[in-house]
Amino acid sequence: MRLSVQLAVASSVSLLVWSNLPAKAQETPVVEIVPAKTPGPLPAGVEVFCTTGPTTGASSPTCPVIRYNNLTIWALRFTDNRVSMLIAAFDPSGQIIKQWEKPGARYNYKTVIDETNNKVTFAGQSGFIVMTLDELDIFPPPPGALTFVNVAAPAINCVFNTSCQVSGTDSVGNIPLPPIAVSGTGSLQTRTILSAAGAPAAGKTAYLYRVDMTQAVSSGEVPCVTDLSIDFGPVSKFVYGGSGSPPDDVFVITQGGLGNIGLYQVTQKGKVINFIFNQPVCAGLTPGTGRSSNFFGVTSSSAPKAITAKVGWPGLDALSVPARGPAY
């Protein structure tokens, strides 16, 4: 019986989290012809290149793009001339927020939207690429959105040390769990890593955080953490996703590390970063059966100091938890 209560509670918390997310921007997709200029940072191995028709390889001064949900969607060429296009959605700042490699054609010259049949066709040399409009139905990023990427350990260590081995300093702050709702302990783990000379992030400090509810026990009353807020200050972007990836603000260790709950959205308002989990981090029925987030990290130019973080708990004001953050 308690299991069904726990599942119902977790489900209700998920609804609370998702009901507070930004509403979808309602727009009709349209095709526009724009100058063939690079819209923003591109992944390695692709470029802006369009032609004037299906039988020529000569470059065109213009390209067809799709404007949709405050995004601009380009069909990019692979520089190795494979018969594929990289369909990339750029936000207003010129950052790619989603991309798809689609085989079947190259050198886009015409794009057609067919709302009746729920599809868009990218015409190019050698053929056509067809996607559904549902695939392109992307939420635009909210104001202050930070980019994040899922990574694996120990590969992520190479950003902070040329040997790809690091030693961090750990501290743990106990979450003041509401005694009526939950017993046991929940905690916020902070790990700081000083990047070594010669590494991509040399001289910077990485701040990693993990919400751990594995030793918290539910009494059946909303026993979950939904988000974490850190007074962080300026963020240093790095290429966390490996060679050819764009720089990101945040990395999430989803492979080779602790925990199994990642991030849904990260935003920064002023100096405060808010991390929203992709599902609530909940207590368990017995000690050891609760959930833990993955480690997620941000890099700063500033050394660590003691701070007070805030964790979101449905129905209550944010709970204060000791942590460490940059002394910016």
Protein backbone atom coordinates (compact mmCIF):
# COMPACT_ATOMS: atom_id res chain seq x y z
CA MET A 1 0.00 0.00 0.00
CA ARG A 2 2.78 2.45 0.84
CA LEU A 3 4.35 1.74 -2.55
CA SER A 4 1.24 2.93 -4.35
CA VAL A 5 1.17 6.04 -2.14
CA GLN A 6 4.84 6.74 -2.94
CA LEU A 7 4.24 6.37 -6.67
CA ALA A 8 1.20 8.62 -6.52
CA VAL A 9 3.16 11.25 -4.61
CA ALA A 10 6.06 11.11 -7.05
CA SER A 11 3.63 11.45 -9.93
CA SER A 12 1.93 14.46 -8.34
CA VAL A 13 5.30 16.11 -7.77
CA SER A 14 6.19 15.56 -11.43
CA LEU A 15 2.98 17.31 -12.39
CA LEU A 16 3.85 20.21 -10.10
CA VAL A 17 7.28 20.56 -11.69
CA TRP A 18 6.05 20.36 -15.27
CA SER A 19 3.07 22.66 -14.67
CA ASN A 20 5.49 25.45 -13.74
CA LEU A 21 7.52 25.16 -16.95
CA PRO A 22 7.28 27.82 -19.67
CA ALA A 23 4.32 27.62 -22.02
CA LYS A 24 4.98 26.60 -25.59
CA ALA A 25 5.29 29.45 -28.06
CA GLN A 26 2.52 29.09 -30.64
CA GLU A 27 3.76 29.95 -34.13
CA THR A 28 3.17 28.73 -37.66
CA PRO A 29 6.36 27.49 -39.35
CA VAL A 30 7.36 29.53 -42.42
CA VAL A 31 10.15 29.31 -44.97
CA GLU A 32 12.31 32.40 -45.51
CA ILE A 33 15.17 33.06 -47.93
CA VAL A 34 18.16 34.56 -46.11
CA PRO A 35 21.81 35.35 -46.90
CA ALA A 36 24.06 32.27 -46.79
CA LYS A 37 25.96 33.47 -43.73
CA THR A 38 26.96 31.42 -40.68
CA PRO A 39 24.18 31.88 -38.09
CA GLY A 40 26.33 31.01 -35.05
CA PRO A 41 28.96 28.53 -33.80
CA LEU A 42 28.81 25.36 -35.89
CA PRO A 43 29.86 21.81 -34.98
CA ALA A 44 33.10 20.66 -36.57
CA GLY A 45 32.68 19.29 -40.07
CA VAL A 46 29.63 21.30 -41.20
CA GLU A 47 29.14 24.62 -42.97
CA VAL A 48 26.50 26.83 -44.56
CA PHE A 49 26.30 25.89 -48.24
CA CYS A 50 23.27 26.01 -50.52
CA THR A 51 22.81 25.74 -54.29
CA THR A 52 20.38 27.21 -56.78
CA GLY A 53 19.00 23.89 -58.03
CA PRO A 54 19.25 20.10 -57.99
CA THR A 55 21.76 19.74 -60.84
CA THR A 56 24.44 22.24 -59.83
CA GLY A 57 27.10 22.22 -57.14
CA ALA A 58 27.70 25.96 -57.39
CA SER A 59 27.09 27.87 -54.19
CA SER A 60 24.09 30.16 -53.81
CA PRO A 61 24.28 33.55 -52.04
CA THR A 62 21.05 32.68 -50.21
CA CYS A 63 19.59 29.72 -48.32
CA PRO A 64 16.06 28.65 -47.37
CA VAL A 65 15.51 28.47 -43.60
CA ILE A 66 12.51 27.71 -41.40
CA ARG A 67 11.34 30.19 -38.76
CA TYR A 68 9.46 28.36 -36.03
CA ASN A 69 8.83 28.96 -32.32
CA ASN A 70 11.35 31.83 -32.26
CA LEU A 71 13.99 29.50 -33.72
CA THR A 72 15.75 29.39 -37.10
CA ILE A 73 16.23 25.94 -38.65
CA TRP A 74 19.03 25.48 -41.20
CA ALA A 75 19.98 22.55 -43.45
CA LEU A 76 23.79 22.50 -43.23
CA ARG A 77 26.31 20.77 -45.47
CA PHE A 78 28.88 18.24 -44.23
CA THR A 79 32.34 19.26 -45.42
CA ASP A 80 33.25 15.63 -46.22
CA ASN A 81 30.48 15.75 -48.87
CA ARG A 82 28.51 12.83 -47.48
CA VAL A 83 24.98 12.60 -48.89
CA SER A 84 23.41 13.92 -45.69
CA MET A 85 22.43 17.22 -44.14
CA LEU A 86 22.68 18.42 -40.57
CA ILE A 87 19.33 19.97 -39.71
CA ALA A 88 20.10 22.44 -36.91
CA ALA A 89 17.77 24.64 -34.84
CA PHE A 90 19.36 27.92 -33.69
CA ASP A 91 18.01 30.12 -30.90
CA PRO A 92 17.98 33.94 -31.21
CA SER A 93 21.51 34.15 -29.74
CA GLY A 94 22.89 31.89 -32.49
CA GLN A 95 23.32 28.76 -30.37
CA ILE A 96 22.23 25.32 -31.61
CA ILE A 97 19.64 23.86 -29.26
CA LYS A 98 18.84 20.72 -31.27
CA GLN A 99 20.26 18.99 -34.32
CA TRP A 100 19.61 15.95 -36.51
CA GLU A 101 21.79 14.26 -39.13
CA LYS A 102 19.49 13.18 -41.98
CA PRO A 103 20.72 11.10 -44.96
CA GLY A 104 19.35 11.24 -48.49
CA ALA A 105 20.48 14.58 -49.95
CA ARG A 106 23.07 17.36 -49.72
CA TYR A 107 23.35 21.02 -50.81
CA ASN A 108 19.92 22.33 -49.85
CA TYR A 109 18.29 24.52 -52.51
CA LYS A 110 14.60 24.45 -51.55
CA THR A 111 12.55 23.78 -48.41
CA VAL A 112 8.81 23.11 -48.49
CA ILE A 113 6.42 22.97 -45.53
CA ASP A 114 3.29 20.83 -45.90
CA GLU A 115 1.15 21.40 -42.80
CA THR A 116 -1.72 19.31 -44.19
CA ASN A 117 0.47 16.20 -44.23
CA ASN A 118 2.57 17.23 -41.20
CA LYS A 119 5.90 17.25 -43.02
CA VAL A 120 8.74 19.42 -44.24
CA THR A 121 10.92 18.56 -47.24
CA PHE A 122 14.53 19.68 -47.66
CA ALA A 123 15.37 19.39 -51.37
CA GLY A 124 18.99 19.02 -52.39
CA GLN A 125 21.42 17.42 -54.76
CA SER A 126 20.83 13.65 -55.00
CA GLY A 127 17.35 13.68 -53.51
CA PHE A 128 15.12 14.83 -50.66
CA ILE A 129 15.06 14.72 -46.89
CA VAL A 130 11.64 14.56 -45.21
CA MET A 131 10.96 15.28 -41.54
CA THR A 132 7.68 15.56 -39.69
CA LEU A 133 6.67 18.89 -38.24
CA ASP A 134 6.35 17.06 -34.90
CA GLU A 135 10.13 16.44 -34.98
CA LEU A 136 10.70 20.18 -35.41
CA ASP A 137 8.20 21.15 -32.71
CA ILE A 138 10.87 22.46 -30.34
CA PHE A 139 10.38 24.55 -27.23
CA PRO A 140 12.40 27.77 -27.42
CA PRO A 141 14.76 28.29 -24.48
CA PRO A 142 13.42 30.46 -21.63
CA PRO A 143 15.04 33.82 -20.74
CA GLY A 144 18.38 33.26 -19.03
CA ALA A 145 18.67 29.66 -20.24
CA LEU A 146 22.08 28.02 -19.85
CA THR A 147 23.18 25.19 -22.11
CA PHE A 148 24.06 21.81 -20.64
CA VAL A 149 25.39 18.55 -22.02
CA ASN A 150 25.39 14.96 -20.73
CA VAL A 151 28.92 13.55 -20.38
CA ALA A 152 30.73 10.44 -19.18
CA ALA A 153 33.35 9.95 -16.49
CA PRO A 154 36.31 9.75 -16.53
CA ALA A 155 36.41 11.46 -19.96
CA ILE A 156 35.08 14.73 -18.49
CA ASN A 157 38.20 14.86 -16.26
CA CYS A 158 40.31 15.72 -19.32
CA VAL A 159 38.82 19.24 -19.27
CA PHE A 160 40.46 19.80 -15.87
CA ASN A 161 43.70 17.82 -16.03
CA THR A 162 45.90 16.71 -18.93
CA SER A 163 46.24 13.28 -17.28
CA CYS A 164 42.43 12.95 -17.27
CA GLN A 165 42.67 12.17 -13.53
CA VAL A 166 41.46 14.62 -10.90
CA SER A 167 41.19 14.86 -7.13
CA GLY A 168 38.39 16.91 -5.69
CA THR A 169 37.44 18.37 -2.32
CA ASP A 170 34.08 17.14 -1.04
CA SER A 171 31.66 18.57 1.50
CA VAL A 172 28.11 17.56 2.43
CA GLY A 173 25.26 19.70 3.72
CA ASN A 174 22.19 18.08 5.27
CA ILE A 175 18.82 19.06 3.83
CA PRO A 176 16.45 20.06 6.68
CA LEU A 177 13.77 17.52 5.78
CA PRO A 178 10.23 18.33 6.99
CA PRO A 179 9.79 15.85 9.89
CA ILE A 180 6.11 15.26 9.13
CA ALA A 181 6.85 14.28 5.55
CA VAL A 182 10.05 12.28 5.72
CA SER A 183 12.62 10.79 8.09
CA GLY A 184 16.25 9.82 7.71
CA THR A 185 18.70 12.10 5.95
CA GLY A 186 18.88 13.90 2.64
CA SER A 187 21.97 15.81 1.57
CA LEU A 188 23.58 18.09 -0.98
CA GLN A 189 27.11 17.06 -1.92
CA THR A 190 29.50 19.70 -3.27
CA ARG A 191 32.73 18.71 -5.01
CA THR A 192 35.29 21.27 -6.16
CA ILE A 193 38.09 20.57 -8.62
CA LEU A 194 40.94 23.01 -9.27
CA SER A 195 41.94 22.66 -12.92
CA ALA A 196 45.63 21.96 -13.50
CA ALA A 197 48.06 23.86 -15.71
CA GLY A 198 47.87 22.90 -19.37
CA ALA A 199 44.27 21.65 -19.17
CA PRO A 200 41.52 23.39 -21.18
CA ALA A 201 40.10 24.89 -17.96
CA ALA A 202 43.50 25.68 -16.43
CA GLY A 203 43.27 27.98 -13.42
CA LYS A 204 39.49 27.62 -13.14
CA THR A 205 37.51 25.77 -10.46
CA ALA A 206 34.79 23.27 -11.30
CA TYR A 207 31.84 23.08 -8.89
CA LEU A 208 29.93 19.80 -8.94
CA TYR A 209 26.66 19.22 -7.06
CA ARG A 210 24.57 16.13 -6.27
CA VAL A 211 21.28 15.86 -4.37
CA ASP A 212 21.23 12.57 -2.45
CA MET A 213 17.94 11.27 -1.03
CA THR A 214 19.01 7.62 -0.84
CA GLN A 215 18.89 7.60 3.00
CA ALA A 216 15.63 9.56 3.30
CA VAL A 217 12.47 7.58 4.09
CA SER A 218 9.02 8.67 2.96
CA SER A 219 6.00 8.99 5.22
CA GLY A 220 3.84 9.48 2.13
CA GLU A 221 3.82 13.29 1.96
CA VAL A 222 5.57 14.82 -1.09
CA PRO A 223 9.06 13.57 -0.11
CA CYS A 224 10.98 14.98 -3.06
CA VAL A 225 13.43 17.68 -4.15
CA THR A 226 12.47 19.34 -7.43
CA ASP A 227 15.27 21.85 -8.07
CA LEU A 228 18.42 23.47 -6.70
CA SER A 229 19.41 27.16 -6.68
CA ILE A 230 23.02 28.34 -6.26
CA ASP A 231 24.32 31.93 -5.97
CA PHE A 232 27.10 31.27 -8.47
CA GLY A 233 28.04 34.43 -10.33
CA PRO A 234 29.73 34.44 -13.76
CA VAL A 235 29.94 31.08 -15.56
CA SER A 236 32.94 29.95 -17.63
CA LYS A 237 31.89 27.98 -20.72
CA PHE A 238 33.96 25.05 -21.98
CA VAL A 239 33.72 22.23 -24.50
CA TYR A 240 32.54 19.46 -22.19
CA GLY A 241 30.96 17.18 -24.80
CA GLY A 242 34.14 16.15 -26.60
CA SER A 243 35.93 17.22 -29.77
CA GLY A 244 33.68 19.00 -32.25
CA SER A 245 31.08 19.94 -29.66
CA PRO A 246 30.17 23.57 -28.94
CA PRO A 247 31.03 25.15 -25.56
CA ASP A 248 28.43 24.62 -22.83
CA ASP A 249 27.66 26.24 -19.49
CA VAL A 250 26.91 23.06 -17.52
CA PHE A 251 27.83 19.37 -17.72
CA VAL A 252 25.89 16.41 -16.29
CA ILE A 253 27.74 13.16 -15.56
CA THR A 254 25.17 10.61 -16.72
CA GLN A 255 27.67 7.78 -17.32
CA GLY A 256 30.36 6.50 -14.98
CA GLY A 257 29.19 8.49 -11.95
CA LEU A 258 26.72 8.36 -9.09
CA GLY A 259 22.98 8.91 -9.36
CA ASN A 260 20.46 8.45 -12.14
CA ILE A 261 18.43 11.68 -12.33
CA GLY A 262 19.61 14.38 -14.70
CA LEU A 263 18.58 17.93 -15.54
CA TYR A 264 15.59 19.22 -17.47
CA GLN A 265 16.42 22.92 -17.56
CA VAL A 266 19.04 25.36 -16.25
CA THR A 267 18.47 29.11 -16.07
CA GLN A 268 20.39 32.02 -14.56
CA LYS A 269 18.74 35.16 -13.22
CA GLY A 270 21.31 37.70 -12.12
CA LYS A 271 23.95 35.70 -10.25
CA VAL A 272 21.67 32.81 -9.20
CA ILE A 273 21.54 29.57 -11.21
CA ASN A 274 18.46 27.36 -10.92
CA PHE A 275 18.83 23.67 -11.83
CA ILE A 276 15.52 21.86 -12.47
CA PHE A 277 15.73 18.06 -12.36
CA ASN A 278 14.16 16.00 -15.13
CA GLN A 279 12.21 14.13 -12.44
CA PRO A 280 11.85 14.69 -8.69
CA VAL A 281 14.62 13.34 -6.45
CA CYS A 282 12.50 11.41 -3.95
CA ALA A 283 12.88 9.57 -0.66
CA GLY A 284 12.43 5.79 -0.56
CA LEU A 285 10.23 3.41 1.36
CA THR A 286 13.23 2.21 3.39
CA PRO A 287 16.80 3.49 3.94
CA GLY A 288 18.90 3.02 0.82
CA THR A 289 15.97 2.95 -1.62
CA GLY A 290 15.65 6.69 -2.28
CA ARG A 291 16.93 8.47 -5.39
CA SER A 292 20.00 10.53 -6.19
CA SER A 293 20.69 13.06 -8.90
CA ASN A 294 23.70 12.76 -11.15
CA PHE A 295 26.64 15.01 -10.43
CA PHE A 296 26.28 18.17 -12.49
CA GLY A 297 28.96 20.82 -12.76
CA VAL A 298 29.67 24.46 -13.56
CA THR A 299 33.07 26.15 -13.89
CA SER A 300 34.12 29.49 -12.42
CA SER A 301 37.18 31.73 -12.33
CA SER A 302 36.68 32.21 -8.57
CA ALA A 303 37.88 30.13 -5.61
CA PRO A 304 35.39 28.36 -3.31
CA LYS A 305 33.66 29.78 -0.25
CA ALA A 306 30.88 28.58 2.06
CA ILE A 307 27.41 29.49 0.77
CA THR A 308 23.77 28.63 1.43
CA ALA A 309 22.04 26.80 -1.41
CA LYS A 310 18.26 26.44 -1.79
CA VAL A 311 16.44 23.21 -2.65
CA GLY A 312 12.88 23.22 -3.93
CA TRP A 313 10.31 21.21 -1.97
CA PRO A 314 6.67 21.26 -3.20
CA GLY A 315 4.31 23.07 -0.86
CA LEU A 316 7.08 24.73 1.17
CA ASP A 317 9.44 27.64 0.83
CA ALA A 318 12.85 26.65 -0.53
CA LEU A 319 14.95 24.81 2.08
CA SER A 320 18.38 26.24 2.99
CA VAL A 321 21.34 23.84 2.72
CA PRO A 322 25.06 24.45 3.40
CA ALA A 323 27.16 24.21 0.24
CA ARG A 324 30.17 25.77 -1.45
CA GLY A 325 30.22 28.14 -4.38
CA PRO A 326 32.45 30.72 -6.05
CA ALA A 327 33.69 33.72 -4.07
CA TYR A 328 33.09 35.98 -7.07
